[in-house]
Amino acid sequence: MSAPLAGTAPLIDAHAHFYHAGAGRSDWADLNAARFRAGDRIGITYHVASALGTYGFSSPTYFPSPADVTIGNDAMLEIAAREHGRVRMYVTVNPNYTDHALREIERCVERGAIGIKLLASRRADDPLLDPIAERAAHRTLPVLHHIWQHRRREWPSQEISDGADLARLAARHPRANFILAHIGGGGDYAHTFPAIVDTPNVFPDLSGSGVDRGMLDDAVAALGARRLLWACDLTMETGLAKLRALDVLGLSDDELADIRWRNAVRLFPKDSFPLITRAAAPRNAQRATLNAT
């Protein structure tokens, strides 16, 4: 078998999605299989994924009903249990239904969820998100929030947020950590970096279909490697392109490891990625011994 395209070092996709039978697509199983094939070819160790309700099939994609949220989370629980060696799960919630959202967090965390996924169901700085952020801090769960880079108008069928909106939420909840979705996923990414630079509990992921020249250079220059997470979202080929770009930015081995996997290990609950942390433990012990001598 050919060596992985991104090498053999650990690699965590911090923003992935899987489909299911209730998502309204007859090819849902083929899409999931394709993600695994692409992940194996790239060299992804773990996919941290969510299922977005019924993806608009039974209720609006960005405003899923409680029933649809539960259907999607049940499907994601099954995938994560079946593929436990390579899949971890976000529990998706709609903050417009506070009680249901908090119950879903508890239910899914008890069955292995390691993060919370928020769609464009409510502006990121809306007080309705406060109970979810409080629960995230209590449970040490990062919150992955859907973001449009530099929101300058309203968009139909979603209550879209940008980095400034998320920064306000994060400032209210300094004990919680927030993953800002897809800096390459639409809008003006250059607006995002100054909007969050002084909010240290916001960590952008690199996903999205945009692979603009200079985007990753600017992200590292503004925020540093310890605040960036590698991720794909839906377009895995652009995730691979960003890995290729990272390789030529002049980053140190430690900085590359931070973006590829270490930052995710730090953000998510302890022991979320045992294949990586168990393998890294002997190397870390050896490094500590060498430093001591």
Protein backbone atom coordinates (compact mmCIF):
# COMPACT_ATOMS: atom_id res chain seq x y z
CA MET A 1 0.00 0.00 0.00
CA SER A 2 1.28 3.50 -0.83
CA ALA A 3 2.43 5.75 1.99
CA PRO A 4 -0.17 8.32 3.12
CA LEU A 5 -0.07 11.52 1.10
CA ALA A 6 0.36 13.61 4.26
CA GLY A 7 2.98 11.35 5.79
CA THR A 8 2.79 8.99 8.73
CA ALA A 9 2.76 11.56 11.57
CA PRO A 10 -0.50 11.83 13.54
CA LEU A 11 -3.26 13.85 11.91
CA ILE A 12 -6.63 14.88 13.39
CA ASP A 13 -9.44 16.24 11.23
CA ALA A 14 -11.12 18.51 13.77
CA HIS A 15 -14.14 19.31 11.56
CA ALA A 16 -15.74 16.41 9.69
CA HIS A 17 -19.26 15.30 8.79
CA PHE A 18 -20.98 11.99 8.13
CA TYR A 19 -24.36 11.28 6.56
CA HIS A 20 -27.02 8.75 7.52
CA ALA A 21 -30.16 7.08 6.24
CA GLY A 22 -32.39 9.91 7.52
CA ALA A 23 -30.45 12.62 5.70
CA GLY A 24 -32.51 12.46 2.52
CA ARG A 25 -29.74 11.17 0.25
CA SER A 26 -29.78 7.74 -1.33
CA ASP A 27 -25.97 7.84 -1.62
CA TRP A 28 -25.31 8.53 2.06
CA ALA A 29 -23.40 5.29 2.66
CA ASP A 30 -21.24 5.87 -0.42
CA LEU A 31 -20.36 9.36 0.83
CA ASN A 32 -19.29 8.00 4.21
CA ALA A 33 -17.22 5.27 2.59
CA ALA A 34 -15.56 7.84 0.33
CA ARG A 35 -14.61 9.91 3.36
CA PHE A 36 -12.93 6.94 4.97
CA ARG A 37 -11.08 6.06 1.77
CA ALA A 38 -9.87 9.63 1.36
CA GLY A 39 -8.92 9.78 5.03
CA ASP A 40 -6.85 6.63 4.74
CA ARG A 41 -5.13 7.92 1.61
CA ILE A 42 -4.35 11.28 3.20
CA GLY A 43 -3.28 9.72 6.49
CA ILE A 44 -5.98 10.93 8.90
CA THR A 45 -5.72 9.27 12.30
CA TYR A 46 -9.05 10.54 13.67
CA HIS A 47 -12.11 12.19 12.14
CA VAL A 48 -13.93 14.38 14.72
CA ALA A 49 -17.37 14.53 13.15
CA SER A 50 -20.98 15.58 13.50
CA ALA A 51 -24.24 14.77 11.75
CA LEU A 52 -26.36 17.87 11.19
CA GLY A 53 -29.79 16.56 12.05
CA THR A 54 -31.43 15.34 8.84
CA TYR A 55 -29.45 17.86 6.74
CA GLY A 56 -32.61 19.76 5.89
CA PHE A 57 -34.66 16.75 4.84
CA SER A 58 -37.28 16.96 7.63
CA SER A 59 -36.62 20.44 9.07
CA PRO A 60 -34.41 23.38 7.99
CA THR A 61 -30.71 22.55 7.94
CA TYR A 62 -29.68 25.46 10.16
CA PHE A 63 -32.79 25.35 12.35
CA PRO A 64 -33.22 21.61 12.92
CA SER A 65 -36.11 20.48 15.06
CA PRO A 66 -35.34 18.68 18.33
CA ALA A 67 -36.49 15.42 16.74
CA ASP A 68 -34.14 15.89 13.78
CA VAL A 69 -31.25 16.83 16.07
CA THR A 70 -31.76 13.59 17.99
CA ILE A 71 -31.97 11.53 14.79
CA GLY A 72 -28.66 12.95 13.59
CA ASN A 73 -26.95 12.47 16.94
CA ASP A 74 -28.20 8.88 17.17
CA ALA A 75 -26.75 8.18 13.74
CA MET A 76 -23.46 9.79 14.70
CA LEU A 77 -23.31 7.78 17.92
CA GLU A 78 -23.65 4.60 15.88
CA ILE A 79 -20.89 5.59 13.48
CA ALA A 80 -18.56 6.61 16.31
CA ALA A 81 -19.20 3.34 18.15
CA ARG A 82 -18.70 1.23 15.03
CA GLU A 83 -15.58 3.12 13.91
CA HIS A 84 -14.19 3.87 17.35
CA GLY A 85 -10.61 3.40 16.19
CA ARG A 86 -10.84 6.41 13.87
CA VAL A 87 -13.99 8.48 14.59
CA ARG A 88 -14.86 10.79 17.46
CA MET A 89 -18.12 12.70 17.78
CA TYR A 90 -19.52 16.20 18.27
CA VAL A 91 -23.04 16.36 19.67
CA THR A 92 -25.07 18.74 17.49
CA VAL A 93 -27.55 21.03 19.27
CA ASN A 94 -29.93 23.84 18.36
CA PRO A 95 -29.71 26.60 21.03
CA ASN A 96 -33.26 27.72 20.27
CA TYR A 97 -34.37 24.65 22.28
CA THR A 98 -32.33 25.08 25.47
CA ASP A 99 -33.64 22.18 27.52
CA HIS A 100 -33.38 19.74 24.65
CA ALA A 101 -29.86 20.97 23.81
CA LEU A 102 -28.62 20.45 27.36
CA ARG A 103 -30.21 17.00 27.54
CA GLU A 104 -28.61 16.02 24.23
CA ILE A 105 -25.20 17.14 25.47
CA GLU A 106 -25.49 14.99 28.57
CA ARG A 107 -26.92 12.01 26.72
CA CYS A 108 -24.27 11.98 24.03
CA VAL A 109 -21.32 12.78 26.29
CA GLU A 110 -22.26 9.78 28.40
CA ARG A 111 -21.94 7.71 25.20
CA GLY A 112 -18.63 9.20 24.12
CA ALA A 113 -19.16 12.61 22.47
CA ILE A 114 -16.12 14.85 22.96
CA GLY A 115 -17.35 18.23 21.65
CA ILE A 116 -20.39 20.34 20.80
CA LYS A 117 -21.41 21.44 17.30
CA LEU A 118 -23.39 24.67 16.79
CA LEU A 119 -24.86 25.57 13.42
CA ALA A 120 -26.11 28.95 12.24
CA SER A 121 -29.24 28.52 14.37
CA ARG A 122 -28.64 31.65 16.45
CA ARG A 123 -26.05 34.44 16.29
CA ALA A 124 -22.95 33.41 18.24
CA ASP A 125 -23.18 36.26 20.74
CA ASP A 126 -26.87 35.64 21.52
CA PRO A 127 -27.62 34.97 25.22
CA LEU A 128 -29.34 31.72 24.21
CA LEU A 129 -25.86 30.25 23.72
CA ASP A 130 -24.81 31.00 27.30
CA PRO A 131 -26.25 27.82 28.88
CA ILE A 132 -24.52 25.72 26.22
CA ALA A 133 -21.20 27.49 26.74
CA GLU A 134 -21.53 27.01 30.51
CA ARG A 135 -22.18 23.31 30.05
CA ALA A 136 -19.24 23.08 27.63
CA ALA A 137 -16.91 24.64 30.20
CA HIS A 138 -18.21 22.32 32.93
CA ARG A 139 -17.73 19.26 30.73
CA THR A 140 -14.42 20.47 29.18
CA LEU A 141 -15.93 20.21 25.71
CA PRO A 142 -14.80 22.49 22.88
CA VAL A 143 -17.60 24.13 20.91
CA LEU A 144 -17.27 24.07 17.11
CA HIS A 145 -19.29 27.02 15.80
CA HIS A 146 -20.28 27.53 12.16
CA ILE A 147 -18.78 30.87 11.01
CA TRP A 148 -18.92 33.07 7.94
CA GLN A 149 -15.69 35.05 7.69
CA HIS A 150 -16.76 38.73 7.95
CA ARG A 151 -20.55 38.82 7.94
CA ARG A 152 -21.70 41.99 6.24
CA ARG A 153 -25.38 41.18 5.70
CA GLU A 154 -28.05 38.71 6.65
CA TRP A 155 -28.28 35.41 4.79
CA PRO A 156 -31.50 33.53 4.08
CA SER A 157 -32.41 30.47 6.15
CA GLN A 158 -29.59 30.93 8.66
CA GLU A 159 -28.53 33.25 11.43
CA ILE A 160 -24.92 33.52 10.42
CA SER A 161 -22.06 34.63 12.70
CA ASP A 162 -18.54 35.90 12.12
CA GLY A 163 -15.38 35.96 14.22
CA ALA A 164 -16.36 39.12 16.09
CA ASP A 165 -19.66 37.52 17.16
CA LEU A 166 -17.89 34.40 18.40
CA ALA A 167 -15.27 36.48 20.20
CA ARG A 168 -18.00 38.17 22.24
CA LEU A 169 -19.38 34.80 23.32
CA ALA A 170 -15.91 33.51 24.16
CA ALA A 171 -15.15 36.62 26.22
CA ARG A 172 -18.26 35.94 28.31
CA HIS A 173 -17.12 32.35 28.87
CA PRO A 174 -13.34 32.35 29.38
CA ARG A 175 -13.39 28.81 30.82
CA ALA A 176 -14.85 27.37 27.60
CA ASN A 177 -12.94 26.81 24.37
CA PHE A 178 -14.41 27.57 20.95
CA ILE A 179 -13.37 26.31 17.52
CA LEU A 180 -14.06 28.88 14.81
CA ALA A 181 -15.11 26.93 11.74
CA HIS A 182 -13.46 27.02 8.33
CA ILE A 183 -11.36 30.14 7.80
CA GLY A 184 -11.36 29.03 4.16
CA GLY A 185 -15.12 28.53 4.12
CA GLY A 186 -16.42 31.81 2.75
CA GLY A 187 -16.14 35.51 3.34
CA ASP A 188 -13.12 37.64 4.18
CA TYR A 189 -10.77 35.53 6.31
CA ALA A 190 -8.47 38.55 6.81
CA HIS A 191 -11.24 40.08 8.93
CA THR A 192 -11.26 37.08 11.25
CA PHE A 193 -7.72 37.21 12.62
CA PRO A 194 -7.83 40.70 14.19
CA ALA A 195 -11.39 39.99 15.39
CA ILE A 196 -10.20 37.10 17.59
CA VAL A 197 -6.51 37.79 18.22
CA ASP A 198 -7.16 39.05 21.76
CA THR A 199 -9.59 36.24 22.60
CA PRO A 200 -7.28 33.32 23.42
CA ASN A 201 -10.03 30.72 23.87
CA VAL A 202 -11.02 30.90 20.18
CA PHE A 203 -9.18 28.45 17.91
CA PRO A 204 -9.79 28.65 14.13
CA ASP A 205 -9.85 25.51 12.06
CA LEU A 206 -8.29 25.59 8.59
CA SER A 207 -11.10 23.85 6.75
CA GLY A 208 -13.23 25.11 3.88
CA SER A 209 -12.95 25.05 0.12
CA GLY A 210 -10.85 28.23 -0.01
CA VAL A 211 -7.11 27.70 -0.43
CA ASP A 212 -6.08 31.31 -1.05
CA ARG A 213 -2.38 31.97 -1.37
CA GLY A 214 -1.20 33.66 1.83
CA MET A 215 -4.18 32.61 3.95
CA LEU A 216 -2.24 30.18 6.13
CA ASP A 217 0.79 32.47 6.30
CA ASP A 218 -1.45 35.22 7.65
CA ALA A 219 -3.14 32.87 10.11
CA VAL A 220 0.17 31.71 11.59
CA ALA A 221 1.56 35.26 11.68
CA ALA A 222 -1.52 36.64 13.44
CA LEU A 223 -2.34 33.82 15.86
CA GLY A 224 0.61 31.43 16.05
CA ALA A 225 0.63 27.71 15.38
CA ARG A 226 -0.76 26.81 18.82
CA ARG A 227 -4.17 28.32 17.99
CA LEU A 228 -4.80 26.60 14.65
CA LEU A 229 -6.44 23.24 13.97
CA TRP A 230 -6.14 21.30 10.74
CA ALA A 231 -9.52 20.21 9.39
CA CYS A 232 -11.36 19.38 6.16
CA ASP A 233 -15.10 19.94 6.64
CA LEU A 234 -16.71 18.56 3.44
CA THR A 235 -13.91 19.16 0.91
CA MET A 236 -11.10 16.80 1.83
CA GLU A 237 -8.99 17.66 -1.20
CA THR A 238 -8.66 21.23 0.05
CA GLY A 239 -7.65 19.88 3.45
CA LEU A 240 -4.83 18.03 1.71
CA ALA A 241 -3.90 21.21 -0.17
CA LYS A 242 -3.56 23.07 3.13
CA LEU A 243 -1.26 20.36 4.48
CA ARG A 244 0.93 20.79 1.41
CA ALA A 245 0.94 24.55 2.00
CA LEU A 246 1.86 24.15 5.66
CA ASP A 247 4.87 22.07 4.64
CA VAL A 248 6.40 25.01 2.75
CA LEU A 249 5.74 27.84 5.22
CA GLY A 250 8.96 27.27 7.08
CA LEU A 251 7.28 26.00 10.24
CA SER A 252 9.24 23.99 12.78
CA ASP A 253 8.44 20.33 13.39
CA ASP A 254 6.78 21.30 16.67
CA GLU A 255 4.61 23.95 14.97
CA LEU A 256 3.50 21.46 12.33
CA ALA A 257 2.67 18.92 15.01
CA ASP A 258 0.65 21.56 16.90
CA ILE A 259 -1.55 22.22 13.87
CA ARG A 260 -1.78 18.59 12.75
CA TRP A 261 -2.74 17.07 16.11
CA ARG A 262 -1.33 18.54 19.33
CA ASN A 263 -3.76 21.46 19.58
CA ALA A 264 -6.69 19.08 19.19
CA VAL A 265 -5.29 16.82 21.90
CA ARG A 266 -5.03 19.86 24.18
CA LEU A 267 -8.56 21.12 23.45
CA PHE A 268 -10.61 17.96 23.62
CA PRO A 269 -11.17 15.96 26.82
CA LYS A 270 -8.34 13.83 28.12
CA ASP A 271 -7.88 10.47 26.39
CA SER A 272 -10.01 11.43 23.38
CA PHE A 273 -7.31 10.23 20.98
CA PRO A 274 -5.61 7.20 22.55
CA LEU A 275 -3.90 5.99 19.37
CA ILE A 276 -1.95 9.24 19.33
CA THR A 277 -1.38 9.96 23.00
CA ARG A 278 -0.23 6.43 23.83
CA ALA A 279 2.24 6.47 20.97
CA ALA A 280 3.47 9.95 21.93
CA ALA A 281 4.01 9.12 25.59
CA PRO A 282 7.31 7.20 25.15
CA ARG A 283 8.66 9.94 22.86
CA ASN A 284 7.72 12.64 25.35
CA ALA A 285 9.36 10.72 28.19
CA GLN A 286 12.51 10.28 26.12
CA ARG A 287 12.55 14.00 25.26
CA ALA A 288 12.14 14.92 28.94
CA THR A 289 15.08 12.65 29.86
CA LEU A 290 17.28 14.21 27.18
CA ASN A 291 16.35 17.72 28.31
CA ALA A 292 17.15 16.84 31.91
CA THR A 293 20.63 15.64 30.98
